Amino acid sequence: MEGCHTSAKPPHAQAAYNGGLPTKDIPMLIIFKSPASGDVIMFQKNGQDMLTVLEKDKDAAKGIFTLEQLPEAISRLRAAIEIDKARSRAQPEDDEDPLPGTPIPVNFFQRAVPLLELLERSLKDKVPVTWGV
């Protein structure tokens, strides 16, 4: 309709906001929050791995670990950390030094420890942990 104004942004506005990158190339984040501690921020894939271990819907945009759920979540995450540490120790070490600039992989247990600490602090302070809110 002629003369109508829409609030839609021109197609180039979104690209400009993202520095010219298509939004599908921007990694999404999952942010775990609790009043007991600072936020734990993870790339979506890593956060989804945690949610799977903790038996939460990995595709849920938001969720909560209630005070009642925290002990079981802590237990599950501790067990997964120990399994991953054992798997890491069982892998043969590469005797060669990596080439300069070669990324060193980050194991599951290394990513999980900050979340475990957040869950433990939240249980101690008797407050829930949320994500996506």
Protein backbone atom coordinates (compact mmCIF):
# COMPACT_ATOMS: atom_id res chain seq x y z
CA MET A 1 0.00 0.00 0.00
CA GLU A 2 1.34 3.33 -0.98
CA GLY A 3 2.03 5.74 1.83
CA CYS A 4 2.07 3.00 4.53
CA HIS A 5 5.06 2.87 6.79
CA THR A 6 6.33 -0.42 8.09
CA SER A 7 8.57 -1.02 11.04
CA ALA A 8 10.53 -3.68 9.17
CA LYS A 9 14.20 -2.93 8.83
CA PRO A 10 15.67 -2.75 5.36
CA PRO A 11 17.43 -6.01 4.38
CA HIS A 12 20.87 -4.47 4.79
CA ALA A 13 20.17 -3.31 8.37
CA GLN A 14 20.54 -6.79 9.91
CA ALA A 15 23.77 -7.43 8.00
CA ALA A 16 25.15 -4.08 9.16
CA TYR A 17 24.28 -4.89 12.76
CA ASN A 18 26.20 -8.18 12.51
CA GLY A 19 29.22 -6.57 10.93
CA GLY A 20 28.21 -7.93 7.55
CA LEU A 21 28.14 -11.56 8.75
CA PRO A 22 25.09 -13.67 8.05
CA THR A 23 23.38 -14.53 11.35
CA LYS A 24 23.65 -18.26 10.70
CA ASP A 25 27.43 -17.94 11.03
CA ILE A 26 27.25 -16.37 14.47
CA PRO A 27 27.55 -18.94 17.27
CA MET A 28 24.65 -18.84 19.69
CA LEU A 29 25.23 -18.86 23.44
CA ILE A 30 23.58 -20.54 26.40
CA ILE A 31 23.93 -18.55 29.61
CA PHE A 32 23.39 -20.34 32.92
CA LYS A 33 22.37 -17.89 35.65
CA SER A 34 21.99 -17.98 39.40
CA PRO A 35 21.90 -15.36 42.14
CA ALA A 36 24.55 -17.47 43.90
CA SER A 37 27.35 -16.74 41.43
CA GLY A 38 28.35 -15.15 38.16
CA ASP A 39 26.93 -16.36 34.87
CA VAL A 40 28.37 -19.40 33.10
CA ILE A 41 28.41 -18.70 29.35
CA MET A 42 28.85 -21.46 26.78
CA PHE A 43 28.57 -21.81 23.05
CA GLN A 44 25.25 -23.43 22.21
CA LYS A 45 26.73 -26.82 21.29
CA ASN A 46 28.67 -27.07 24.56
CA GLY A 47 25.68 -25.91 26.60
CA GLN A 48 23.48 -28.46 24.86
CA ASP A 49 26.00 -31.18 25.73
CA MET A 50 25.68 -30.16 29.39
CA LEU A 51 21.88 -30.11 29.23
CA THR A 52 21.86 -33.60 27.70
CA VAL A 53 24.03 -34.97 30.52
CA LEU A 54 21.75 -33.22 33.03
CA GLU A 55 18.68 -34.78 31.37
CA LYS A 56 17.16 -31.47 30.31
CA ASP A 57 15.77 -30.71 26.85
CA LYS A 58 18.85 -29.52 24.95
CA ASP A 59 16.67 -27.65 22.47
CA ALA A 60 14.65 -25.75 25.07
CA ALA A 61 15.18 -22.01 24.71
CA LYS A 62 14.94 -21.60 28.46
CA GLY A 63 14.73 -23.73 31.55
CA ILE A 64 15.40 -24.12 35.24
CA PHE A 65 17.11 -26.40 37.71
CA THR A 66 14.92 -26.11 40.77
CA LEU A 67 16.38 -26.39 44.24
CA GLU A 68 14.97 -29.93 44.41
CA GLN A 69 16.68 -30.88 41.11
CA LEU A 70 20.12 -29.50 42.00
CA PRO A 71 21.47 -32.50 43.99
CA GLU A 72 20.73 -34.92 41.12
CA ALA A 73 22.12 -32.47 38.55
CA ILE A 74 25.33 -32.10 40.57
CA SER A 75 25.65 -35.88 40.89
CA ARG A 76 25.14 -36.43 37.14
CA LEU A 77 27.61 -33.72 36.16
CA ARG A 78 30.26 -35.01 38.60
CA ALA A 79 29.88 -38.52 37.16
CA ALA A 80 30.18 -37.23 33.57
CA ILE A 81 33.28 -35.23 34.52
CA GLU A 82 34.94 -38.30 36.05
CA ILE A 83 34.11 -40.43 33.00
CA ASP A 84 35.56 -37.78 30.67
CA LYS A 85 38.71 -37.41 32.82
CA ALA A 86 39.24 -41.18 32.73
CA ARG A 87 38.74 -41.21 28.96
CA SER A 88 41.27 -38.39 28.63
CA ARG A 89 43.86 -40.24 30.72
CA ALA A 90 43.32 -43.43 28.70
CA GLN A 91 44.13 -41.73 25.39
CA PRO A 92 47.78 -42.08 24.39
CA GLU A 93 49.77 -38.88 24.60
CA ASP A 94 51.16 -37.53 21.36
CA ASP A 95 54.94 -37.27 21.82
CA GLU A 96 55.26 -34.61 19.19
CA ASP A 97 54.77 -30.95 20.04
CA PRO A 98 51.81 -29.47 18.17
CA LEU A 99 52.57 -27.04 15.42
CA PRO A 100 52.50 -23.41 16.50
CA GLY A 101 48.98 -22.06 16.20
CA THR A 102 47.39 -25.52 16.39
CA PRO A 103 44.40 -25.31 18.73
CA ILE A 104 44.53 -27.57 21.77
CA PRO A 105 41.18 -29.33 22.21
CA VAL A 106 39.12 -28.50 25.30
CA ASN A 107 37.67 -31.58 26.97
CA PHE A 108 34.12 -31.91 28.26
CA PHE A 109 35.29 -31.96 31.87
CA GLN A 110 37.12 -28.67 31.41
CA ARG A 111 33.95 -27.02 30.13
CA ALA A 112 31.77 -28.65 32.80
CA VAL A 113 33.65 -27.55 35.93
CA PRO A 114 32.37 -23.93 35.94
CA LEU A 115 28.79 -25.18 35.57
CA LEU A 116 29.34 -27.72 38.37
CA GLU A 117 30.61 -24.94 40.62
CA LEU A 118 27.56 -22.81 39.77
CA LEU A 119 25.21 -25.69 40.61
CA GLU A 120 27.01 -26.37 43.90
CA ARG A 121 26.96 -22.71 44.96
CA SER A 122 23.30 -22.48 44.07
CA LEU A 123 22.48 -25.52 46.18
CA LYS A 124 24.46 -24.07 49.09
CA ASP A 125 22.60 -20.73 48.77
CA LYS A 126 19.28 -22.53 48.14
CA VAL A 127 18.56 -20.78 44.84
CA PRO A 128 17.68 -22.17 41.38
CA VAL A 129 19.79 -22.09 38.20
CA THR A 130 18.17 -20.91 34.98
CA TRP A 131 19.12 -20.53 31.34
CA GLY A 132 17.61 -18.53 28.52
CA VAL A 133 15.79 -16.08 30.79
